Amino acid sequence: MAAVLRPLGGLRRANGVRGAHRGATLGPSSWRCIEPRRGFQSAPPQTKVPDFAFAFDIDGVLLRSSTPIPSARSALLHLQSQCIPFILLTNGGGKTEAERIEDLSNKLDIELDTSLLVQSHTPFAELTHLHSKTVLVAGGDGSKCAEVARSYGFENVVTPADILIAHPEVWPFARNFLDYYSSFARPLPPAEPLKVDAIFVYNDPRDWGLDSTILLDLLLSSKGVLGTLSPKNGNATLPNNGYLQDSQPHLYYSNPDLWWASAHPLPRLGQGGFQHSFAGLWDKVTNGAELKHTVIGKPSQATYEFAERRLRARRKTLFGAPGLNNPLRKVYMVGDNPESDIRGSNAYDSPYGSQWRSLLVKTGVFSGIRGDEAPEYARPDALVQNVGEAVKWALRDSGWESKTEKE
C-alpha cells in the first residue's frame, strides 16, 4: 500500500499537533509522509519514494484569471494523497510568495506552502551582492513589487513612481495620475543625486511610457546617476559605440512571456511585450547598439535549475534522507504556453540527470481551436485537455498506478 500524506485533518506536524485550518500557508519543513496504519514515521520505506515529480504552471493551468480550472484541485489533492512531490513554477509574480500562495490556497481550497512556489522573480533573491545597493524595481501594481524586493533582502529599493513624485518633470504626461502615484510612492534616498546600481523589471509594467523613459534615462546615464548623460554615448572608438560603457546599471527582466491567459477570450500582452517595445526604443535611440540585459523565468535554464533545486528540497521534506538518496528520474512540466513552459522543459539540461517531460494543456494561452500549433522546438510530449488529464497521463507514463495497485 502506498504511503499517504493525509489532507487537512490527517496531516501531522513533527510534534504531533494537527494541521492548521483550510487556507493556512504551511512552513516548508512542517509535514512528512506517514505510513498508513503504522503511525508517524520520519520517512516511509525507501521503496515508497516516487522517482518522479511535477512542476505546474499556474495561470492557464490551475487558474483562468481568478477562477479555478475544474480539475485543478482534485489533481493536486491526488498527488498529495500519494506523496508525489510537486512545485508551482510560474512566470507570474508581482506579489510576495506568502501572499500568492495564500491566495492560491484559498481559491483552490487546498493547503499549500511557500516552499512549493517559484515565481518569475523568486530567483532574484539569490543576488545577494546587490542587497545593499540601490536598485530600481519596475512593474506590478502599486508598490507591491518593491515590497517583494525588500522581502528578498534588498535594502534600498526605489520605483518609477518614487522618481516621478520627486521629479514630476521626468514624465510630464503623467500629470493626471500624480494622485495615484503619490498614494504609494516613497521619498527617494536622502543622498542627491540618485544613483542606481541595478534595474529590475519584476512584473508586467502598468505604465510603459513612464517605465521606458526612466529605464532609458538610467541606461544612458553616467554611472547610473539620474539626470546625467554619459560622455561615452555614441563614441565609435569604444565598444558598442560607447553605450553601456560607463558603469551604467545592469538591466534584469523576470520573464520573457509575450502573452498570458487572462479573463479576456484572447491572450494579453505580458512582460515580453514590454521588453520588445523597449528594445525597439533602445535600438532607435542608440542606432543599433547592443542592449545588454539578463532575462530569467521560463524558458531559461537558470529558472529550471532553480525549480529543480526546489523539487529536490521538497522530496527531502516529504521523505527525509531517502528523498535525496533516491534519484529523481523524471519531472513532468504541465503548462499552457508553448514558448515558455514547453520550450523550457524540452531544452532544459538537468545538472542532476533527471528527464523533464512536457505536457501541454488547452486551458490557457494554447487552446488548440484556432490552429495555434506549437512550433517544432516547443512540441510537447503530450497534448491533453486539462491539468487533470495531464496528471493521469504522467501517472500512467511513470508506471506509478500499476505499482500502487500491486501494493
Protein backbone atom coordinates (compact mmCIF):
# COMPACT_ATOMS: atom_id res chain seq x y z
CA MET A 1 0.00 0.00 0.00
CA ALA A 2 1.37 3.42 -0.91
CA ALA A 3 2.46 5.94 1.68
CA VAL A 4 -0.14 8.66 2.15
CA LEU A 5 0.10 12.31 3.05
CA ARG A 6 -3.30 12.75 4.65
CA PRO A 7 -5.02 16.00 3.59
CA LEU A 8 -6.13 18.58 6.14
CA GLY A 9 -7.08 16.94 9.45
CA GLY A 10 -4.94 13.86 8.84
CA LEU A 11 -1.75 15.89 8.47
CA ARG A 12 0.53 15.91 11.49
CA ARG A 13 3.40 18.08 12.48
CA ALA A 14 6.56 16.51 13.84
CA ASN A 15 5.33 17.37 17.33
CA GLY A 16 2.03 15.60 16.73
CA VAL A 17 -0.16 18.74 16.54
CA ARG A 18 -2.91 18.50 13.98
CA GLY A 19 -2.80 20.60 10.79
CA ALA A 20 -4.00 24.16 10.57
CA HIS A 21 -7.33 25.29 9.13
CA ARG A 22 -8.01 25.47 5.42
CA GLY A 23 -6.11 28.21 3.61
CA ALA A 24 -3.18 28.34 6.02
CA THR A 25 0.26 28.65 4.45
CA LEU A 26 2.40 25.93 5.87
CA GLY A 27 6.10 26.08 6.54
CA PRO A 28 8.45 24.21 4.21
CA SER A 29 9.52 21.62 6.80
CA SER A 30 6.25 21.10 8.67
CA TRP A 31 4.98 17.91 7.08
CA ARG A 32 6.19 14.38 6.48
CA CYS A 33 4.64 11.47 4.61
CA ILE A 34 3.29 8.88 7.01
CA GLU A 35 2.77 5.16 6.53
CA PRO A 36 -0.93 4.15 6.80
CA ARG A 37 -1.92 2.32 10.00
CA ARG A 38 1.61 2.50 11.41
CA GLY A 39 1.54 5.96 12.97
CA PHE A 40 4.06 8.73 12.42
CA GLN A 41 7.40 7.96 10.79
CA SER A 42 10.07 10.45 9.77
CA ALA A 43 10.08 8.82 6.33
CA PRO A 44 8.36 5.89 4.64
CA PRO A 45 10.39 2.92 3.39
CA GLN A 46 12.80 3.86 0.63
CA THR A 47 10.86 1.79 -1.93
CA LYS A 48 7.90 4.13 -1.44
CA VAL A 49 9.71 7.23 -2.70
CA PRO A 50 8.43 8.10 -6.20
CA ASP A 51 11.21 8.67 -8.71
CA PHE A 52 9.23 11.41 -10.46
CA ALA A 53 7.67 14.76 -9.64
CA PHE A 54 5.59 17.54 -11.19
CA ALA A 55 6.01 21.22 -12.00
CA PHE A 56 2.78 23.10 -12.69
CA ASP A 57 2.30 26.47 -14.27
CA ILE A 58 -0.50 28.43 -12.56
CA ASP A 59 -2.24 30.84 -14.95
CA GLY A 60 -3.96 28.84 -17.65
CA VAL A 61 -3.27 25.51 -15.90
CA LEU A 62 -4.64 25.76 -12.34
CA LEU A 63 -6.49 29.08 -12.70
CA ARG A 64 -8.02 31.09 -15.52
CA SER A 65 -7.74 34.66 -14.23
CA SER A 66 -9.10 34.16 -10.68
CA THR A 67 -11.30 31.16 -11.46
CA PRO A 68 -10.03 27.65 -10.67
CA ILE A 69 -9.90 25.27 -13.62
CA PRO A 70 -12.29 22.42 -12.67
CA SER A 71 -9.78 19.55 -12.48
CA ALA A 72 -7.01 21.52 -10.73
CA ARG A 73 -7.96 20.91 -7.09
CA SER A 74 -8.62 17.18 -7.48
CA ALA A 75 -5.34 16.71 -9.38
CA LEU A 76 -3.25 18.36 -6.66
CA LEU A 77 -5.11 16.60 -3.85
CA HIS A 78 -4.48 13.25 -5.53
CA LEU A 79 -0.74 13.95 -5.73
CA GLN A 80 -0.69 14.99 -2.08
CA SER A 81 -2.55 11.81 -1.09
CA GLN A 82 0.08 9.75 -2.92
CA CYS A 83 3.06 11.67 -1.53
CA ILE A 84 4.12 12.66 -5.04
CA PRO A 85 6.15 15.91 -4.91
CA PHE A 86 5.21 18.93 -7.00
CA ILE A 87 6.02 22.59 -7.24
CA LEU A 88 4.26 25.56 -8.82
CA LEU A 89 6.51 27.14 -11.46
CA THR A 90 5.02 30.34 -12.84
CA ASN A 91 6.13 33.32 -14.88
CA GLY A 92 3.59 35.30 -12.91
CA GLY A 93 4.57 37.46 -9.99
CA GLY A 94 4.06 40.89 -8.52
CA LYS A 95 3.25 39.62 -5.02
CA THR A 96 5.25 38.11 -2.20
CA GLU A 97 5.34 34.33 -2.23
CA ALA A 98 3.36 34.29 1.03
CA GLU A 99 0.59 36.46 -0.42
CA ARG A 100 0.42 34.50 -3.67
CA ILE A 101 0.34 31.07 -2.03
CA GLU A 102 -2.35 32.12 0.47
CA ASP A 103 -4.49 33.43 -2.38
CA LEU A 104 -3.97 30.24 -4.38
CA SER A 105 -4.68 28.02 -1.36
CA ASN A 106 -7.98 29.79 -0.78
CA LYS A 107 -9.06 29.70 -4.43
CA LEU A 108 -8.26 26.01 -4.84
CA ASP A 109 -9.39 25.06 -1.30
CA ILE A 110 -6.18 23.14 -0.67
CA GLU A 111 -3.27 23.54 1.74
CA LEU A 112 -0.09 24.77 0.06
CA ASP A 113 3.07 26.41 1.37
CA THR A 114 5.60 28.89 0.05
CA SER A 115 8.28 26.25 -0.44
CA LEU A 116 6.20 24.97 -3.37
CA LEU A 117 6.14 28.27 -5.24
CA VAL A 118 8.67 29.61 -7.74
CA GLN A 119 7.51 32.91 -9.22
CA SER A 120 9.28 34.61 -12.09
CA HIS A 121 11.22 36.89 -9.75
CA THR A 122 11.88 34.38 -6.92
CA PRO A 123 15.47 33.67 -8.11
CA PHE A 124 16.32 37.37 -7.76
CA ALA A 125 16.58 36.73 -4.02
CA GLU A 126 19.88 34.94 -4.72
CA LEU A 127 21.55 38.14 -6.00
CA THR A 128 22.85 38.90 -2.54
CA HIS A 129 25.71 41.06 -3.84
CA LEU A 130 23.08 43.68 -4.73
CA HIS A 131 21.16 43.60 -1.45
CA SER A 132 22.98 46.63 -0.04
CA LYS A 133 22.95 48.55 -3.34
CA THR A 134 20.32 50.98 -4.64
CA VAL A 135 18.06 49.18 -7.11
CA LEU A 136 15.18 50.34 -9.28
CA VAL A 137 12.20 47.95 -9.28
CA ALA A 138 9.62 48.40 -12.05
CA GLY A 139 6.34 46.68 -12.87
CA GLY A 140 3.36 45.38 -10.95
CA ASP A 141 0.52 47.04 -9.06
CA GLY A 142 1.39 49.99 -6.85
CA SER A 143 4.32 49.28 -4.57
CA LYS A 144 3.84 45.50 -4.40
CA CYS A 145 6.99 44.64 -6.37
CA ALA A 146 9.07 46.95 -4.19
CA GLU A 147 7.70 45.10 -1.16
CA VAL A 148 8.68 41.79 -2.77
CA ALA A 149 12.22 43.04 -3.35
CA ARG A 150 12.51 44.17 0.26
CA SER A 151 11.28 40.76 1.40
CA TYR A 152 14.19 39.23 -0.56
CA GLY A 153 16.68 41.36 1.37
CA PHE A 154 17.16 44.36 -0.93
CA GLU A 155 17.68 47.27 1.40
CA ASN A 156 17.49 50.31 -0.90
CA VAL A 157 14.60 49.99 -3.35
CA VAL A 158 13.22 52.81 -5.49
CA THR A 159 10.40 52.68 -8.05
CA PRO A 160 9.50 54.78 -11.10
CA ALA A 161 6.66 56.23 -9.00
CA ASP A 162 9.13 57.40 -6.33
CA ILE A 163 11.16 59.18 -9.01
CA LEU A 164 8.08 60.70 -10.67
CA ILE A 165 6.71 62.18 -7.45
CA ALA A 166 10.11 63.61 -6.53
CA HIS A 167 10.68 64.91 -10.08
CA PRO A 168 7.34 65.30 -11.91
CA GLU A 169 9.12 66.75 -14.92
CA VAL A 170 10.69 63.35 -15.66
CA TRP A 171 7.45 62.25 -17.40
CA PRO A 172 5.17 65.28 -18.00
CA PHE A 173 2.38 63.14 -19.47
CA ALA A 174 1.62 61.62 -16.05
CA ARG A 175 0.30 64.85 -14.53
CA ASN A 176 -3.26 63.48 -14.46
CA PHE A 177 -2.12 60.47 -12.48
CA LEU A 178 0.05 62.10 -9.82
CA ASP A 179 -2.55 61.49 -7.11
CA TYR A 180 -2.46 57.79 -7.89
CA TYR A 181 1.33 57.57 -7.85
CA SER A 182 1.63 59.65 -4.69
CA SER A 183 -0.67 57.19 -2.87
CA PHE A 184 2.14 54.61 -2.75
CA ALA A 185 5.36 56.41 -3.69
CA ARG A 186 8.11 56.70 -1.08
CA PRO A 187 10.65 59.50 -0.67
CA LEU A 188 13.89 58.97 -2.56
CA PRO A 189 17.07 58.27 -0.58
CA PRO A 190 18.33 61.48 1.01
CA ALA A 191 21.60 61.47 -0.92
CA GLU A 192 21.34 63.57 -4.08
CA PRO A 193 21.64 62.94 -6.93
CA LEU A 194 20.09 59.48 -7.06
CA LYS A 195 22.50 56.75 -8.18
CA VAL A 196 21.01 53.41 -9.27
CA ASP A 197 23.18 50.28 -9.29
CA ALA A 198 20.77 47.78 -10.92
CA ILE A 199 17.41 47.83 -12.70
CA PHE A 200 14.83 45.08 -12.20
CA VAL A 201 11.54 44.54 -14.03
CA TYR A 202 9.76 42.28 -11.54
CA ASN A 203 6.38 42.11 -13.25
CA ASP A 204 4.46 43.45 -16.24
CA PRO A 205 4.75 47.27 -16.26
CA ARG A 206 1.45 49.12 -15.97
CA ASP A 207 2.74 52.43 -17.40
CA TRP A 208 5.01 51.59 -20.31
CA GLY A 209 5.71 55.25 -21.06
CA LEU A 210 6.92 56.15 -17.56
CA ASP A 211 8.93 52.97 -17.06
CA SER A 212 10.52 53.13 -20.53
CA THR A 213 11.56 56.74 -20.01
CA ILE A 214 13.23 56.12 -16.65
CA LEU A 215 14.95 52.92 -17.84
CA LEU A 216 16.28 54.77 -20.86
CA ASP A 217 17.49 57.69 -18.73
CA LEU A 218 19.43 55.36 -16.42
CA LEU A 219 20.94 53.24 -19.21
CA LEU A 220 22.17 56.39 -20.98
CA SER A 221 23.41 57.98 -17.76
CA SER A 222 26.89 58.36 -16.39
CA LYS A 223 27.38 55.61 -13.78
CA GLY A 224 23.67 55.30 -13.08
CA VAL A 225 23.24 58.85 -11.81
CA LEU A 226 19.73 60.10 -12.59
CA GLY A 227 19.64 63.21 -14.78
CA THR A 228 23.09 62.72 -16.36
CA LEU A 229 24.25 61.59 -19.80
CA SER A 230 27.40 59.59 -20.31
CA PRO A 231 30.00 61.37 -22.47
CA LYS A 232 30.87 57.95 -23.93
CA ASN A 233 27.50 57.50 -25.64
CA GLY A 234 27.93 57.38 -29.42
CA ASN A 235 31.74 57.22 -29.32
CA ALA A 236 32.59 54.99 -32.30
CA THR A 237 36.09 54.32 -30.96
CA LEU A 238 34.65 52.43 -27.98
CA PRO A 239 32.97 49.02 -27.86
CA ASN A 240 29.22 49.12 -28.57
CA ASN A 241 29.72 52.70 -29.85
CA GLY A 242 30.23 53.79 -26.26
CA TYR A 243 26.81 52.71 -24.99
CA LEU A 244 26.72 50.89 -21.65
CA GLN A 245 30.46 51.50 -21.26
CA ASP A 246 30.22 53.90 -18.30
CA SER A 247 29.23 51.68 -15.34
CA GLN A 248 25.52 52.02 -16.00
CA PRO A 249 23.19 49.72 -14.02
CA HIS A 250 22.57 46.25 -15.40
CA LEU A 251 19.02 45.50 -16.56
CA TYR A 252 17.22 42.35 -15.32
CA TYR A 253 13.89 41.05 -16.61
CA SER A 254 11.99 38.40 -14.66
CA ASN A 255 10.32 36.66 -17.61
CA PRO A 256 10.00 36.87 -21.41
CA ASP A 257 6.33 35.93 -21.86
CA LEU A 258 4.81 37.79 -24.79
CA TRP A 259 1.31 36.53 -23.92
CA TRP A 260 -0.55 35.40 -20.83
CA ALA A 261 -4.04 33.97 -20.30
CA SER A 262 -6.48 36.35 -18.59
CA ALA A 263 -10.27 36.51 -18.33
CA HIS A 264 -10.32 38.03 -21.82
CA PRO A 265 -11.01 35.45 -24.55
CA LEU A 266 -7.72 36.32 -26.30
CA PRO A 267 -4.27 36.25 -24.65
CA ARG A 268 -2.99 39.61 -23.35
CA LEU A 269 0.47 41.15 -23.76
CA GLY A 270 2.82 40.37 -20.89
CA GLN A 271 6.28 41.47 -19.79
CA GLY A 272 7.73 40.14 -23.04
CA GLY A 273 5.69 42.72 -24.90
CA PHE A 274 7.27 45.47 -22.84
CA GLN A 275 10.74 44.00 -23.44
CA HIS A 276 10.29 44.04 -27.21
CA SER A 277 8.87 47.54 -27.07
CA PHE A 278 11.79 48.83 -25.01
CA ALA A 279 14.31 47.00 -27.21
CA GLY A 280 12.89 48.82 -30.24
CA LEU A 281 13.14 52.15 -28.44
CA TRP A 282 16.75 51.44 -27.40
CA ASP A 283 17.65 50.40 -30.94
CA LYS A 284 16.26 53.63 -32.36
CA VAL A 285 17.89 55.92 -29.78
CA THR A 286 21.33 54.26 -29.97
CA ASN A 287 21.31 53.48 -33.70
CA GLY A 288 21.52 49.76 -33.13
CA ALA A 289 23.77 49.43 -30.08
CA GLU A 290 23.52 46.18 -28.12
CA LEU A 291 21.24 46.27 -25.10
CA LYS A 292 22.99 44.06 -22.58
CA HIS A 293 20.49 42.56 -20.16
CA THR A 294 19.54 39.39 -18.27
CA VAL A 295 16.24 37.54 -18.66
CA ILE A 296 15.19 34.81 -16.23
CA GLY A 297 11.88 32.98 -15.91
CA LYS A 298 10.68 30.17 -18.13
CA PRO A 299 12.12 29.04 -20.55
CA SER A 300 15.56 29.97 -19.17
CA GLN A 301 17.97 27.26 -18.00
CA ALA A 302 18.64 29.19 -14.78
CA THR A 303 14.98 29.20 -13.75
CA TYR A 304 14.55 25.49 -14.42
CA GLU A 305 17.68 24.73 -12.39
CA PHE A 306 16.30 26.83 -9.53
CA ALA A 307 12.99 24.96 -9.80
CA GLU A 308 14.69 21.57 -9.73
CA ARG A 309 16.59 22.50 -6.59
CA ARG A 310 13.24 23.34 -5.01
CA LEU A 311 11.84 19.99 -6.09
CA ARG A 312 14.78 18.13 -4.59
CA ALA A 313 14.32 20.04 -1.35
CA ARG A 314 10.63 19.17 -1.42
CA ARG A 315 11.42 15.46 -1.71
CA LYS A 316 13.72 15.74 1.29
CA THR A 317 10.94 17.48 3.23
CA LEU A 318 8.49 14.70 2.44
CA PHE A 319 10.78 11.69 2.79
CA GLY A 320 13.85 12.72 4.74
CA ALA A 321 17.18 11.27 3.57
CA PRO A 322 15.62 8.86 1.03
CA GLY A 323 14.25 11.90 -0.78
CA LEU A 324 17.80 12.82 -1.72
CA ASN A 325 19.31 9.34 -1.91
CA ASN A 326 16.69 8.08 -4.37
CA PRO A 327 17.30 9.69 -7.79
CA LEU A 328 14.66 12.00 -9.23
CA ARG A 329 14.41 10.46 -12.70
CA LYS A 330 11.50 12.34 -14.29
CA VAL A 331 9.79 15.70 -13.88
CA TYR A 332 6.52 16.40 -15.69
CA MET A 333 6.16 20.07 -16.62
CA VAL A 334 2.48 20.91 -17.10
CA GLY A 335 1.92 24.21 -18.90
CA ASP A 336 -0.31 26.15 -21.26
CA ASN A 337 2.32 28.25 -23.06
CA PRO A 338 4.43 26.50 -25.73
CA GLU A 339 7.03 29.29 -25.78
CA SER A 340 7.76 29.22 -22.05
CA ASP A 341 6.52 26.04 -20.35
CA ILE A 342 7.07 23.56 -23.16
CA ARG A 343 10.11 25.12 -24.81
CA GLY A 344 11.85 25.46 -21.44
CA SER A 345 11.13 21.89 -20.41
CA ASN A 346 12.24 20.49 -23.77
CA ALA A 347 15.51 22.44 -23.75
CA TYR A 348 16.39 22.05 -20.07
CA ASP A 349 19.65 20.24 -19.36
CA SER A 350 19.36 18.98 -15.80
CA PRO A 351 22.63 19.04 -13.84
CA TYR A 352 21.15 16.23 -11.71
CA GLY A 353 20.44 13.89 -14.63
CA SER A 354 16.64 13.99 -14.48
CA GLN A 355 14.49 13.84 -17.61
CA TRP A 356 11.90 16.61 -17.96
CA ARG A 357 8.79 15.78 -19.97
CA SER A 358 6.41 18.46 -21.26
CA LEU A 359 2.62 18.26 -21.10
CA LEU A 360 0.62 20.99 -22.88
CA VAL A 361 -2.94 21.76 -21.77
CA LYS A 362 -5.64 23.53 -23.79
CA THR A 363 -7.00 25.73 -20.99
CA GLY A 364 -4.76 28.81 -21.33
CA VAL A 365 -2.58 30.53 -23.93
CA PHE A 366 -2.76 27.44 -26.13
CA SER A 367 -6.32 26.44 -26.94
CA GLY A 368 -5.98 24.12 -29.92
CA ILE A 369 -9.09 25.66 -31.52
CA ARG A 370 -7.52 28.31 -33.75
CA GLY A 371 -4.85 26.22 -35.43
CA ASP A 372 -2.28 27.62 -32.96
CA GLU A 373 0.04 24.66 -33.36
CA ALA A 374 3.20 24.76 -31.25
CA PRO A 375 6.43 25.28 -33.20
CA GLU A 376 8.75 22.30 -33.63
CA TYR A 377 11.09 23.30 -30.76
CA ALA A 378 8.10 23.60 -28.42
CA ARG A 379 6.24 20.40 -29.29
CA PRO A 380 5.07 18.71 -26.07
CA ASP A 381 5.49 15.07 -25.16
CA ALA A 382 1.72 15.01 -24.78
CA LEU A 383 -1.16 17.33 -25.65
CA VAL A 384 -4.06 16.99 -23.19
CA GLN A 385 -7.29 18.78 -22.41
CA ASN A 386 -6.55 19.97 -18.88
CA VAL A 387 -4.37 19.52 -15.81
CA GLY A 388 -6.38 16.53 -14.59
CA GLU A 389 -5.71 14.69 -17.84
CA ALA A 390 -2.05 15.72 -17.64
CA VAL A 391 -1.65 14.12 -14.21
CA LYS A 392 -3.38 10.93 -15.36
CA TRP A 393 -1.09 10.73 -18.40
CA ALA A 394 2.02 11.21 -16.27
CA LEU A 395 0.98 8.63 -13.69
CA ARG A 396 0.50 6.08 -16.47
CA ASP A 397 3.81 7.05 -18.09
CA SER A 398 5.66 6.73 -14.79
CA GLY A 399 4.14 3.33 -14.01
CA TRP A 400 3.06 4.63 -10.60
CA GLU A 401 -0.54 3.45 -10.89
CA SER A 402 0.45 -0.13 -11.56
CA LYS A 403 2.94 -0.07 -8.68
CA THR A 404 0.39 1.21 -6.19
CA GLU A 405 -2.22 -1.27 -7.39
CA LYS A 406 0.19 -4.16 -6.67
CA GLU A 407 0.80 -2.85 -3.18
